[in-house]
Amino acid sequence: MQYMLLIYAADDAGPKPGTPEFEQVMKGYYEFTSEVQNAGAFVAGQPLQGTNTASTVRVRNGKSEITDGPFAETREVLGGYYLIDVDNLDDALEWAAKIPTSGYGSIEVRPIMELPS
């Protein structure tokens, strides 16, 4: 079964780019990605650019309304994702706990809805 691991953290949480601590987090991501790939569970995954690059589209009464920024104003923002294929939710939760950002952010785990062909 496929699960989406959505990586959230506040923009000001965690180490800052250019610091040794940030390099350690990035190393952790490279190691995690290699581990999930080697286990055969990796389907896809990418980091996202900052929320300052986001646009939100809403269609109301047939007219598109486009605003800058993410959909919801929250402290934690979506920073990236992994799509994995594992046997069950427990396995997905174990992988989520290994994502470096889980130490200062949160990882939302959601099963992918399987639609009939």
PDB file of N, CA and C in Angstrom:
ATOM      1  N   MET A   1       0.842  -1.182   0.000  1.00  0.00           N
ATOM      2  CA  MET A   1       0.000   0.000   0.000  1.00  0.00           C
ATOM      3  C   MET A   1       0.885   1.243   0.000  1.00  0.00           C
ATOM      4  N   GLN A   2       0.433   2.254  -0.695  1.00  0.00           N
ATOM      5  CA  GLN A   2       1.218   3.487  -0.756  1.00  0.00           C
ATOM      6  C   GLN A   2       0.755   4.477   0.309  1.00  0.00           C
ATOM      7  N   TYR A   3       1.743   5.178   0.874  1.00  0.00           N
ATOM      8  CA  TYR A   3       1.499   6.208   1.877  1.00  0.00           C
ATOM      9  C   TYR A   3       2.274   7.455   1.508  1.00  0.00           C
ATOM     10  N   MET A   4       1.653   8.607   1.726  1.00  0.00           N
ATOM     11  CA  MET A   4       2.319   9.892   1.546  1.00  0.00           C
ATOM     12  C   MET A   4       2.803  10.348   2.912  1.00  0.00           C
ATOM     13  N   LEU A   5       4.081  10.644   3.000  1.00  0.00           N
ATOM     14  CA  LEU A   5       4.673  11.192   4.219  1.00  0.00           C
ATOM     15  C   LEU A   5       4.897  12.680   3.968  1.00  0.00           C
ATOM     16  N   LEU A   6       4.067  13.516   4.559  1.00  0.00           N
ATOM     17  CA  LEU A   6       4.109  14.967   4.346  1.00  0.00           C
ATOM     18  C   LEU A   6       4.915  15.601   5.466  1.00  0.00           C
ATOM     19  N   ILE A   7       5.921  16.362   5.095  1.00  0.00           N
ATOM     20  CA  ILE A   7       6.887  16.901   6.043  1.00  0.00           C
ATOM     21  C   ILE A   7       6.542  18.363   6.345  1.00  0.00           C
ATOM     22  N   TYR A   8       6.218  18.629   7.610  1.00  0.00           N
ATOM     23  CA  TYR A   8       5.851  19.977   8.042  1.00  0.00           C
ATOM     24  C   TYR A   8       6.817  20.501   9.095  1.00  0.00           C
ATOM     25  N   ALA A   9       7.094  21.784   9.021  1.00  0.00           N
ATOM     26  CA  ALA A   9       7.861  22.466  10.067  1.00  0.00           C
ATOM     27  C   ALA A   9       7.625  23.964   9.926  1.00  0.00           C
ATOM     28  N   ALA A  10       7.775  24.673  11.005  1.00  0.00           N
ATOM     29  CA  ALA A  10       7.703  26.129  10.960  1.00  0.00           C
ATOM     30  C   ALA A  10       8.919  26.640  10.197  1.00  0.00           C
ATOM     31  N   ASP A  11       8.736  27.726   9.460  1.00  0.00           N
ATOM     32  CA  ASP A  11       9.846  28.296   8.691  1.00  0.00           C
ATOM     33  C   ASP A  11      11.057  28.606   9.559  1.00  0.00           C
ATOM     34  N   ASP A  12      10.804  28.975  10.810  1.00  0.00           N
ATOM     35  CA  ASP A  12      11.913  29.356  11.685  1.00  0.00           C
ATOM     36  C   ASP A  12      12.375  28.211  12.587  1.00  0.00           C
ATOM     37  N   ALA A  13      11.860  26.997  12.356  1.00  0.00           N
ATOM     38  CA  ALA A  13      12.254  25.841  13.175  1.00  0.00           C
ATOM     39  C   ALA A  13      13.470  25.160  12.563  1.00  0.00           C
ATOM     40  N   GLY A  14      14.213  24.507  13.395  1.00  0.00           N
ATOM     41  CA  GLY A  14      15.358  23.745  12.914  1.00  0.00           C
ATOM     42  C   GLY A  14      16.550  24.629  12.601  1.00  0.00           C
ATOM     43  N   PRO A  15      17.651  23.981  12.238  1.00  0.00           N
ATOM     44  CA  PRO A  15      18.876  24.723  11.959  1.00  0.00           C
ATOM     45  C   PRO A  15      18.781  25.557  10.685  1.00  0.00           C
ATOM     46  N   LYS A  16      19.535  26.609  10.649  1.00  0.00           N
ATOM     47  CA  LYS A  16      19.534  27.538   9.516  1.00  0.00           C
ATOM     48  C   LYS A  16      20.528  27.090   8.446  1.00  0.00           C
ATOM     49  N   PRO A  17      20.154  27.265   7.154  1.00  0.00           N
ATOM     50  CA  PRO A  17      21.090  26.930   6.072  1.00  0.00           C
ATOM     51  C   PRO A  17      22.435  27.613   6.265  1.00  0.00           C
ATOM     52  N   GLY A  18      23.483  26.894   5.907  1.00  0.00           N
ATOM     53  CA  GLY A  18      24.837  27.424   6.033  1.00  0.00           C
ATOM     54  C   GLY A  18      25.506  27.101   7.352  1.00  0.00           C
ATOM     55  N   THR A  19      24.765  26.510   8.288  1.00  0.00           N
ATOM     56  CA  THR A  19      25.348  26.155   9.584  1.00  0.00           C
ATOM     57  C   THR A  19      25.740  24.676   9.580  1.00  0.00           C
ATOM     58  N   PRO A  20      26.673  24.290  10.439  1.00  0.00           N
ATOM     59  CA  PRO A  20      27.019  22.869  10.546  1.00  0.00           C
ATOM     60  C   PRO A  20      25.821  22.003  10.944  1.00  0.00           C
ATOM     61  N   GLU A  21      24.924  22.550  11.765  1.00  0.00           N
ATOM     62  CA  GLU A  21      23.745  21.807  12.178  1.00  0.00           C
ATOM     63  C   GLU A  21      22.822  21.514  10.984  1.00  0.00           C
ATOM     64  N   PHE A  22      22.709  22.487  10.084  1.00  0.00           N
ATOM     65  CA  PHE A  22      21.891  22.290   8.881  1.00  0.00           C
ATOM     66  C   PHE A  22      22.506  21.213   8.005  1.00  0.00           C
ATOM     67  N   GLU A  23      23.818  21.235   7.888  1.00  0.00           N
ATOM     68  CA  GLU A  23      24.502  20.213   7.088  1.00  0.00           C
ATOM     69  C   GLU A  23      24.240  18.821   7.662  1.00  0.00           C
ATOM     70  N   GLN A  24      24.156  18.699   8.987  1.00  0.00           N
ATOM     71  CA  GLN A  24      23.854  17.414   9.617  1.00  0.00           C
ATOM     72  C   GLN A  24      22.438  16.953   9.266  1.00  0.00           C
ATOM     73  N   VAL A  25      21.486  17.889   9.260  1.00  0.00           N
ATOM     74  CA  VAL A  25      20.115  17.542   8.880  1.00  0.00           C
ATOM     75  C   VAL A  25      20.082  17.075   7.427  1.00  0.00           C
ATOM     76  N   MET A  26      20.779  17.786   6.545  1.00  0.00           N
ATOM     77  CA  MET A  26      20.815  17.391   5.136  1.00  0.00           C
ATOM     78  C   MET A  26      21.460  16.018   4.980  1.00  0.00           C
ATOM     79  N   LYS A  27      22.508  15.756   5.733  1.00  0.00           N
ATOM     80  CA  LYS A  27      23.146  14.437   5.708  1.00  0.00           C
ATOM     81  C   LYS A  27      22.136  13.375   6.140  1.00  0.00           C
ATOM     82  N   GLY A  28      21.346  13.700   7.155  1.00  0.00           N
ATOM     83  CA  GLY A  28      20.311  12.782   7.611  1.00  0.00           C
ATOM     84  C   GLY A  28      19.288  12.488   6.524  1.00  0.00           C
ATOM     85  N   TYR A  29      18.939  13.502   5.754  1.00  0.00           N
ATOM     86  CA  TYR A  29      18.000  13.296   4.646  1.00  0.00           C
ATOM     87  C   TYR A  29      18.606  12.404   3.568  1.00  0.00           C
ATOM     88  N   TYR A  30      19.864  12.626   3.225  1.00  0.00           N
ATOM     89  CA  TYR A  30      20.516  11.773   2.218  1.00  0.00           C
ATOM     90  C   TYR A  30      20.556  10.330   2.703  1.00  0.00           C
ATOM     91  N   GLU A  31      20.868  10.143   3.968  1.00  0.00           N
ATOM     92  CA  GLU A  31      20.925   8.796   4.527  1.00  0.00           C
ATOM     93  C   GLU A  31      19.535   8.155   4.560  1.00  0.00           C
ATOM     94  N   PHE A  32      18.517   8.924   4.972  1.00  0.00           N
ATOM     95  CA  PHE A  32      17.157   8.401   4.998  1.00  0.00           C
ATOM     96  C   PHE A  32      16.716   7.996   3.592  1.00  0.00           C
ATOM     97  N   THR A  33      16.959   8.869   2.626  1.00  0.00           N
ATOM     98  CA  THR A  33      16.548   8.581   1.246  1.00  0.00           C
ATOM     99  C   THR A  33      17.229   7.316   0.736  1.00  0.00           C
ATOM    100  N   SER A  34      18.505   7.175   0.992  1.00  0.00           N
ATOM    101  CA  SER A  34      19.213   5.957   0.583  1.00  0.00           C
ATOM    102  C   SER A  34      18.623   4.721   1.256  1.00  0.00           C
ATOM    103  N   GLU A  35      18.316   4.845   2.549  1.00  0.00           N
ATOM    104  CA  GLU A  35      17.777   3.703   3.294  1.00  0.00           C
ATOM    105  C   GLU A  35      16.420   3.275   2.740  1.00  0.00           C
ATOM    106  N   VAL A  36      15.529   4.236   2.488  1.00  0.00           N
ATOM    107  CA  VAL A  36      14.196   3.901   1.998  1.00  0.00           C
ATOM    108  C   VAL A  36      14.272   3.377   0.557  1.00  0.00           C
ATOM    109  N   GLN A  37      15.212   3.886  -0.237  1.00  0.00           N
ATOM    110  CA  GLN A  37      15.409   3.366  -1.589  1.00  0.00           C
ATOM    111  C   GLN A  37      15.947   1.942  -1.543  1.00  0.00           C
ATOM    112  N   ASN A  38      16.962   1.703  -0.727  1.00  0.00           N
ATOM    113  CA  ASN A  38      17.565   0.374  -0.626  1.00  0.00           C
ATOM    114  C   ASN A  38      16.581  -0.663  -0.099  1.00  0.00           C
ATOM    115  N   ALA A  39      15.610  -0.226   0.705  1.00  0.00           N
ATOM    116  CA  ALA A  39      14.599  -1.136   1.234  1.00  0.00           C
ATOM    117  C   ALA A  39      13.506  -1.439   0.200  1.00  0.00           C
ATOM    118  N   GLY A  40      13.544  -0.736  -0.925  1.00  0.00           N
ATOM    119  CA  GLY A  40      12.543  -0.952  -1.967  1.00  0.00           C
ATOM    120  C   GLY A  40      11.206  -0.298  -1.676  1.00  0.00           C
ATOM    121  N   ALA A  41      11.157   0.612  -0.703  1.00  0.00           N
ATOM    122  CA  ALA A  41       9.905   1.258  -0.323  1.00  0.00           C
ATOM    123  C   ALA A  41       9.711   2.618  -1.003  1.00  0.00           C
ATOM    124  N   PHE A  42      10.766   3.188  -1.554  1.00  0.00           N
ATOM    125  CA  PHE A  42      10.713   4.530  -2.138  1.00  0.00           C
ATOM    126  C   PHE A  42       9.953   4.517  -3.462  1.00  0.00           C
ATOM    127  N   VAL A  43       8.976   5.412  -3.591  1.00  0.00           N
ATOM    128  CA  VAL A  43       8.273   5.620  -4.857  1.00  0.00           C
ATOM    129  C   VAL A  43       8.666   6.977  -5.427  1.00  0.00           C
ATOM    130  N   ALA A  44       8.622   8.025  -4.584  1.00  0.00           N
ATOM    131  CA  ALA A  44       8.970   9.376  -5.013  1.00  0.00           C
ATOM    132  C   ALA A  44       9.198  10.230  -3.780  1.00  0.00           C
ATOM    133  N   GLY A  45       9.831  11.376  -3.979  1.00  0.00           N
ATOM    134  CA  GLY A  45      10.026  12.313  -2.888  1.00  0.00           C
ATOM    135  C   GLY A  45      10.805  13.519  -3.367  1.00  0.00           C
ATOM    136  N   GLN A  46      10.422  14.682  -2.891  1.00  0.00           N
ATOM    137  CA  GLN A  46      11.106  15.919  -3.257  1.00  0.00           C
ATOM    138  C   GLN A  46      10.886  16.969  -2.181  1.00  0.00           C
ATOM    139  N   PRO A  47      11.861  17.855  -1.986  1.00  0.00           N
ATOM    140  CA  PRO A  47      11.610  19.024  -1.142  1.00  0.00           C
ATOM    141  C   PRO A  47      10.836  20.059  -1.965  1.00  0.00           C
ATOM    142  N   LEU A  48      10.149  20.949  -1.274  1.00  0.00           N
ATOM    143  CA  LEU A  48       9.430  22.030  -1.934  1.00  0.00           C
ATOM    144  C   LEU A  48      10.165  23.346  -1.705  1.00  0.00           C
ATOM    145  N   GLN A  49      10.001  24.267  -2.644  1.00  0.00           N
ATOM    146  CA  GLN A  49      10.542  25.606  -2.437  1.00  0.00           C
ATOM    147  C   GLN A  49       9.741  26.287  -1.340  1.00  0.00           C
ATOM    148  N   GLY A  50      10.226  27.405  -0.854  1.00  0.00           N
ATOM    149  CA  GLY A  50       9.605  28.104   0.268  1.00  0.00           C
ATOM    150  C   GLY A  50       8.202  28.586  -0.010  1.00  0.00           C
ATOM    151  N   THR A  51       7.476  28.874   1.066  1.00  0.00           N
ATOM    152  CA  THR A  51       6.091  29.328   0.930  1.00  0.00           C
ATOM    153  C   THR A  51       5.989  30.658   0.190  1.00  0.00           C
ATOM    154  N   ASN A  52       7.067  31.400   0.145  1.00  0.00           N
ATOM    155  CA  ASN A  52       7.040  32.673  -0.596  1.00  0.00           C
ATOM    156  C   ASN A  52       6.908  32.444  -2.096  1.00  0.00           C
ATOM    157  N   THR A  53       7.072  31.206  -2.574  1.00  0.00           N
ATOM    158  CA  THR A  53       6.915  30.908  -3.999  1.00  0.00           C
ATOM    159  C   THR A  53       5.548  30.309  -4.316  1.00  0.00           C
ATOM    160  N   ALA A  54       4.715  30.083  -3.282  1.00  0.00           N
ATOM    161  CA  ALA A  54       3.435  29.397  -3.455  1.00  0.00           C
ATOM    162  C   ALA A  54       2.358  30.328  -4.002  1.00  0.00           C
ATOM    163  N   SER A  55       1.435  29.736  -4.721  1.00  0.00           N
ATOM    164  CA  SER A  55       0.207  30.393  -5.159  1.00  0.00           C
ATOM    165  C   SER A  55      -0.948  29.460  -4.828  1.00  0.00           C
ATOM    166  N   THR A  56      -2.094  30.040  -4.518  1.00  0.00           N
ATOM    167  CA  THR A  56      -3.281  29.245  -4.229  1.00  0.00           C
ATOM    168  C   THR A  56      -4.380  29.643  -5.190  1.00  0.00           C
ATOM    169  N   VAL A  57      -5.026  28.643  -5.784  1.00  0.00           N
ATOM    170  CA  VAL A  57      -6.106  28.866  -6.754  1.00  0.00           C
ATOM    171  C   VAL A  57      -7.408  28.381  -6.140  1.00  0.00           C
ATOM    172  N   ARG A  58      -8.415  29.250  -6.181  1.00  0.00           N
ATOM    173  CA  ARG A  58      -9.776  28.892  -5.785  1.00  0.00           C
ATOM    174  C   ARG A  58     -10.682  29.299  -6.933  1.00  0.00           C
ATOM    175  N   VAL A  59     -11.620  28.441  -7.292  1.00  0.00           N
ATOM    176  CA  VAL A  59     -12.596  28.796  -8.322  1.00  0.00           C
ATOM    177  C   VAL A  59     -13.930  29.036  -7.625  1.00  0.00           C
ATOM    178  N   ARG A  60     -14.430  30.245  -7.769  1.00  0.00           N
ATOM    179  CA  ARG A  60     -15.703  30.642  -7.156  1.00  0.00           C
ATOM    180  C   ARG A  60     -16.591  31.219  -8.243  1.00  0.00           C
ATOM    181  N   ASN A  61     -17.798  30.650  -8.352  1.00  0.00           N
ATOM    182  CA  ASN A  61     -18.752  31.104  -9.374  1.00  0.00           C
ATOM    183  C   ASN A  61     -18.131  31.102 -10.766  1.00  0.00           C
ATOM    184  N   GLY A  62     -17.333  30.077 -11.045  1.00  0.00           N
ATOM    185  CA  GLY A  62     -16.735  29.925 -12.364  1.00  0.00           C
ATOM    186  C   GLY A  62     -15.536  30.819 -12.633  1.00  0.00           C
ATOM    187  N   LYS A  63     -15.104  31.604 -11.644  1.00  0.00           N
ATOM    188  CA  LYS A  63     -13.986  32.526 -11.826  1.00  0.00           C
ATOM    189  C   LYS A  63     -12.822  32.104 -10.937  1.00  0.00           C
ATOM    190  N   SER A  64     -11.622  32.055 -11.519  1.00  0.00           N
ATOM    191  CA  SER A  64     -10.428  31.711 -10.742  1.00  0.00           C
ATOM    192  C   SER A  64      -9.983  32.889  -9.898  1.00  0.00           C
ATOM    193  N   GLU A  65      -9.726  32.597  -8.627  1.00  0.00           N
ATOM    194  CA  GLU A  65      -9.157  33.579  -7.715  1.00  0.00           C
ATOM    195  C   GLU A  65      -7.781  33.063  -7.317  1.00  0.00           C
ATOM    196  N   ILE A  66      -6.765  33.825  -7.628  1.00  0.00           N
ATOM    197  CA  ILE A  66      -5.392  33.402  -7.351  1.00  0.00           C
ATOM    198  C   ILE A  66      -4.797  34.338  -6.318  1.00  0.00           C
ATOM    199  N   THR A  67      -4.253  33.739  -5.248  1.00  0.00           N
ATOM    200  CA  THR A  67      -3.601  34.522  -4.210  1.00  0.00           C
ATOM    201  C   THR A  67      -2.194  33.991  -3.998  1.00  0.00           C
ATOM    202  N   ASP A  68      -1.333  34.865  -3.560  1.00  0.00           N
ATOM    203  CA  ASP A  68       0.030  34.457  -3.234  1.00  0.00           C
ATOM    204  C   ASP A  68       0.029  33.738  -1.902  1.00  0.00           C
ATOM    205  N   GLY A  69       0.909  32.765  -1.783  1.00  0.00           N
ATOM    206  CA  GLY A  69       1.090  32.080  -0.508  1.00  0.00           C
ATOM    207  C   GLY A  69       0.351  30.765  -0.438  1.00  0.00           C
ATOM    208  N   PRO A  70       0.587  30.055   0.653  1.00  0.00           N
ATOM    209  CA  PRO A  70      -0.058  28.753   0.839  1.00  0.00           C
ATOM    210  C   PRO A  70      -1.538  28.909   1.152  1.00  0.00           C
ATOM    211  N   PHE A  71      -2.255  27.796   1.059  1.00  0.00           N
ATOM    212  CA  PHE A  71      -3.703  27.775   1.279  1.00  0.00           C
ATOM    213  C   PHE A  71      -4.075  28.236   2.678  1.00  0.00           C
ATOM    214  N   ALA A  72      -3.442  27.672   3.671  1.00  0.00           N
ATOM    215  CA  ALA A  72      -3.798  27.971   5.054  1.00  0.00           C
ATOM    216  C   ALA A  72      -2.667  28.732   5.739  1.00  0.00           C
ATOM    217  N   GLU A  73      -3.035  29.658   6.575  1.00  0.00           N
ATOM    218  CA  GLU A  73      -2.029  30.359   7.362  1.00  0.00           C
ATOM    219  C   GLU A  73      -1.835  29.587   8.654  1.00  0.00           C
ATOM    220  N   THR A  74      -0.741  28.856   8.706  1.00  0.00           N
ATOM    221  CA  THR A  74      -0.418  28.067   9.887  1.00  0.00           C
ATOM    222  C   THR A  74       1.040  28.279  10.226  1.00  0.00           C
ATOM    223  N   ARG A  75       1.417  27.899  11.420  1.00  0.00           N
ATOM    224  CA  ARG A  75       2.815  28.017  11.836  1.00  0.00           C
ATOM    225  C   ARG A  75       3.685  27.028  11.078  1.00  0.00           C
ATOM    226  N   GLU A  76       3.221  25.794  10.960  1.00  0.00           N
ATOM    227  CA  GLU A  76       3.989  24.789  10.233  1.00  0.00           C
ATOM    228  C   GLU A  76       3.545  24.769   8.777  1.00  0.00           C
ATOM    229  N   VAL A  77       4.522  24.652   7.874  1.00  0.00           N
ATOM    230  CA  VAL A  77       4.228  24.633   6.444  1.00  0.00           C
ATOM    231  C   VAL A  77       4.772  23.353   5.828  1.00  0.00           C
ATOM    232  N   LEU A  78       4.166  22.958   4.735  1.00  0.00           N
ATOM    233  CA  LEU A  78       4.589  21.768   4.014  1.00  0.00           C
ATOM    234  C   LEU A  78       5.920  22.056   3.340  1.00  0.00           C
ATOM    235  N   GLY A  79       6.932  21.243   3.667  1.00  0.00           N
ATOM    236  CA  GLY A  79       8.264  21.476   3.126  1.00  0.00           C
ATOM    237  C   GLY A  79       8.715  20.431   2.119  1.00  0.00           C
ATOM    238  N   GLY A  80       8.019  19.311   2.056  1.00  0.00           N
ATOM    239  CA  GLY A  80       8.383  18.257   1.130  1.00  0.00           C
ATOM    240  C   GLY A  80       7.597  17.006   1.431  1.00  0.00           C
ATOM    241  N   TYR A  81       7.916  15.953   0.702  1.00  0.00           N
ATOM    242  CA  TYR A  81       7.162  14.723   0.879  1.00  0.00           C
ATOM    243  C   TYR A  81       7.982  13.516   0.440  1.00  0.00           C
ATOM    244  N   TYR A  82       7.558  12.372   0.903  1.00  0.00           N
ATOM    245  CA  TYR A  82       7.992  11.075   0.397  1.00  0.00           C
ATOM    246  C   TYR A  82       6.737  10.280   0.099  1.00  0.00           C
ATOM    247  N   LEU A  83       6.727   9.586  -1.018  1.00  0.00           N
ATOM    248  CA  LEU A  83       5.687   8.627  -1.333  1.00  0.00           C
ATOM    249  C   LEU A  83       6.348   7.262  -1.232  1.00  0.00           C
ATOM    250  N   ILE A  84       5.810   6.427  -0.332  1.00  0.00           N
ATOM    251  CA  ILE A  84       6.416   5.119  -0.110  1.00  0.00           C
ATOM    252  C   ILE A  84       5.397   4.021  -0.355  1.00  0.00           C
ATOM    253  N   ASP A  85       5.877   2.836  -0.601  1.00  0.00           N
ATOM    254  CA  ASP A  85       5.023   1.671  -0.787  1.00  0.00           C
ATOM    255  C   ASP A  85       5.477   0.610   0.208  1.00  0.00           C
ATOM    256  N   VAL A  86       4.650   0.374   1.217  1.00  0.00           N
ATOM    257  CA  VAL A  86       4.982  -0.565   2.301  1.00  0.00           C
ATOM    258  C   VAL A  86       3.767  -1.441   2.590  1.00  0.00           C
ATOM    259  N   ASP A  87       3.952  -2.415   3.452  1.00  0.00           N
ATOM    260  CA  ASP A  87       2.896  -3.386   3.728  1.00  0.00           C
ATOM    261  C   ASP A  87       1.722  -2.833   4.520  1.00  0.00           C
ATOM    262  N   ASN A  88       1.984  -1.896   5.447  1.00  0.00           N
ATOM    263  CA  ASN A  88       0.901  -1.463   6.328  1.00  0.00           C
ATOM    264  C   ASN A  88       1.234  -0.123   6.981  1.00  0.00           C
ATOM    265  N   LEU A  89       0.269   0.400   7.716  1.00  0.00           N
ATOM    266  CA  LEU A  89       0.424   1.694   8.378  1.00  0.00           C
ATOM    267  C   LEU A  89       1.569   1.683   9.383  1.00  0.00           C
ATOM    268  N   ASP A  90       1.723   0.600  10.116  1.00  0.00           N
ATOM    269  CA  ASP A  90       2.815   0.536  11.096  1.00  0.00           C
ATOM    270  C   ASP A  90       4.168   0.736  10.425  1.00  0.00           C
ATOM    271  N   ASP A  91       4.367   0.110   9.260  1.00  0.00           N
ATOM    272  CA  ASP A  91       5.623   0.295   8.523  1.00  0.00           C
ATOM    273  C   ASP A  91       5.784   1.751   8.082  1.00  0.00           C
ATOM    274  N   ALA A  92       4.693   2.349   7.603  1.00  0.00           N
ATOM    275  CA  ALA A  92       4.749   3.750   7.168  1.00  0.00           C
ATOM    276  C   ALA A  92       5.101   4.664   8.333  1.00  0.00           C
ATOM    277  N   LEU A  93       4.540   4.396   9.506  1.00  0.00           N
ATOM    278  CA  LEU A  93       4.832   5.209  10.686  1.00  0.00           C
ATOM    279  C   LEU A  93       6.288   5.061  11.116  1.00  0.00           C
ATOM    280  N   GLU A  94       6.836   3.866  10.984  1.00  0.00           N
ATOM    281  CA  GLU A  94       8.248   3.664  11.309  1.00  0.00           C
ATOM    282  C   GLU A  94       9.146   4.476  10.376  1.00  0.00           C
ATOM    283  N   TRP A  95       8.838   4.473   9.083  1.00  0.00           N
ATOM    284  CA  TRP A  95       9.624   5.282   8.146  1.00  0.00           C
ATOM    285  C   TRP A  95       9.489   6.771   8.484  1.00  0.00           C
ATOM    286  N   ALA A  96       8.267   7.217   8.787  1.00  0.00           N
ATOM    287  CA  ALA A  96       8.036   8.636   9.090  1.00  0.00           C
ATOM    288  C   ALA A  96       8.872   9.092  10.276  1.00  0.00           C
ATOM    289  N   ALA A  97       9.008   8.248  11.272  1.00  0.00           N
ATOM    290  CA  ALA A  97       9.773   8.609  12.470  1.00  0.00           C
ATOM    291  C   ALA A  97      11.262   8.774  12.177  1.00  0.00           C
ATOM    292  N   LYS A  98      11.730   8.230  11.063  1.00  0.00           N
ATOM    293  CA  LYS A  98      13.148   8.338  10.697  1.00  0.00           C
ATOM    294  C   LYS A  98      13.461   9.607   9.910  1.00  0.00           C
ATOM    295  N   ILE A  99      12.442  10.335   9.477  1.00  0.00           N
ATOM    296  CA  ILE A  99      12.670  11.564   8.704  1.00  0.00           C
ATOM    297  C   ILE A  99      13.257  12.618   9.637  1.00  0.00           C
ATOM    298  N   PRO A 100      14.394  13.222   9.268  1.00  0.00           N
ATOM    299  CA  PRO A 100      15.072  14.157  10.168  1.00  0.00           C
ATOM    300  C   PRO A 100      14.195  15.281  10.726  1.00  0.00           C
ATOM    301  N   THR A 101      13.285  15.814   9.957  1.00  0.00           N
ATOM    302  CA  THR A 101      12.456  16.926  10.414  1.00  0.00           C
ATOM    303  C   THR A 101      11.510  16.512  11.535  1.00  0.00           C
ATOM    304  N   SER A 102      11.287  15.218  11.728  1.00  0.00           N
ATOM    305  CA  SER A 102      10.379  14.783  12.796  1.00  0.00           C
ATOM    306  C   SER A 102      10.886  15.219  14.173  1.00  0.00           C
ATOM    307  N   GLY A 103      12.166  15.567  14.269  1.00  0.00           N
ATOM    308  CA  GLY A 103      12.735  16.012  15.531  1.00  0.00           C
ATOM    309  C   GLY A 103      12.330  17.421  15.932  1.00  0.00           C
ATOM    310  N   TYR A 104      11.869  18.237  14.981  1.00  0.00           N
ATOM    311  CA  TYR A 104      11.438  19.600  15.318  1.00  0.00           C
ATOM    312  C   TYR A 104      10.192  20.035  14.560  1.00  0.00           C
ATOM    313  N   GLY A 105       9.693  19.191  13.696  1.00  0.00           N
ATOM    314  CA  GLY A 105       8.465  19.467  12.953  1.00  0.00           C
ATOM    315  C   GLY A 105       7.507  18.307  13.140  1.00  0.00           C
ATOM    316  N   SER A 106       6.744  18.005  12.113  1.00  0.00           N
ATOM    317  CA  SER A 106       5.828  16.871  12.174  1.00  0.00           C
ATOM    318  C   SER A 106       5.732  16.226  10.805  1.00  0.00           C
ATOM    319  N   ILE A 107       5.413  14.941  10.813  1.00  0.00           N
ATOM    320  CA  ILE A 107       5.266  14.183   9.581  1.00  0.00           C
ATOM    321  C   ILE A 107       3.839  13.637   9.560  1.00  0.00           C
ATOM    322  N   GLU A 108       3.068  14.065   8.595  1.00  0.00           N
ATOM    323  CA  GLU A 108       1.708  13.559   8.433  1.00  0.00           C
ATOM    324  C   GLU A 108       1.771  12.331   7.526  1.00  0.00           C
ATOM    325  N   VAL A 109       1.173  11.241   7.965  1.00  0.00           N
ATOM    326  CA  VAL A 109       1.168   9.991   7.205  1.00  0.00           C
ATOM    327  C   VAL A 109      -0.249   9.744   6.720  1.00  0.00           C
ATOM    328  N   ARG A 110      -0.406   9.655   5.383  1.00  0.00           N
ATOM    329  CA  ARG A 110      -1.742   9.438   4.829  1.00  0.00           C
ATOM    330  C   ARG A 110      -1.694   8.374   3.749  1.00  0.00           C
ATOM    331  N   PRO A 111      -2.623   7.417   3.822  1.00  0.00           N
ATOM    332  CA  PRO A 111      -2.665   6.409   2.773  1.00  0.00           C
ATOM    333  C   PRO A 111      -3.167   7.026   1.464  1.00  0.00           C
ATOM    334  N   ILE A 112      -2.658   6.496   0.375  1.00  0.00           N
ATOM    335  CA  ILE A 112      -3.100   6.921  -0.945  1.00  0.00           C
ATOM    336  C   ILE A 112      -4.392   6.166  -1.263  1.00  0.00           C
ATOM    337  N   MET A 113      -5.408   6.871  -1.706  1.00  0.00           N
ATOM    338  CA  MET A 113      -6.663   6.249  -2.054  1.00  0.00           C
ATOM    339  C   MET A 113      -6.488   5.470  -3.359  1.00  0.00           C
ATOM    340  N   GLU A 114      -6.869   4.208  -3.322  1.00  0.00           N
ATOM    341  CA  GLU A 114      -6.771   3.377  -4.519  1.00  0.00           C
ATOM    342  C   GLU A 114      -8.090   3.451  -5.262  1.00  0.00           C
ATOM    343  N   LEU A 115      -8.041   3.993  -6.481  1.00  0.00           N
ATOM    344  CA  LEU A 115      -9.240   4.149  -7.289  1.00  0.00           C
ATOM    345  C   LEU A 115      -9.355   2.986  -8.267  1.00  0.00           C
ATOM    346  N   PRO A 116     -10.572   2.589  -8.571  1.00  0.00           N
ATOM    347  CA  PRO A 116     -10.730   1.513  -9.551  1.00  0.00           C
ATOM    348  C   PRO A 116     -10.271   1.976 -10.928  1.00  0.00           C
ATOM    349  N   SER A 117      -9.767   1.056 -11.685  1.00  0.00           N
ATOM    350  CA  SER A 117      -9.287   1.391 -13.044  1.00  0.00           C
ATOM    351  C   SER A 117     -10.432   1.605 -14.003  1.00  0.00           C
TER     352      SER A 117
END
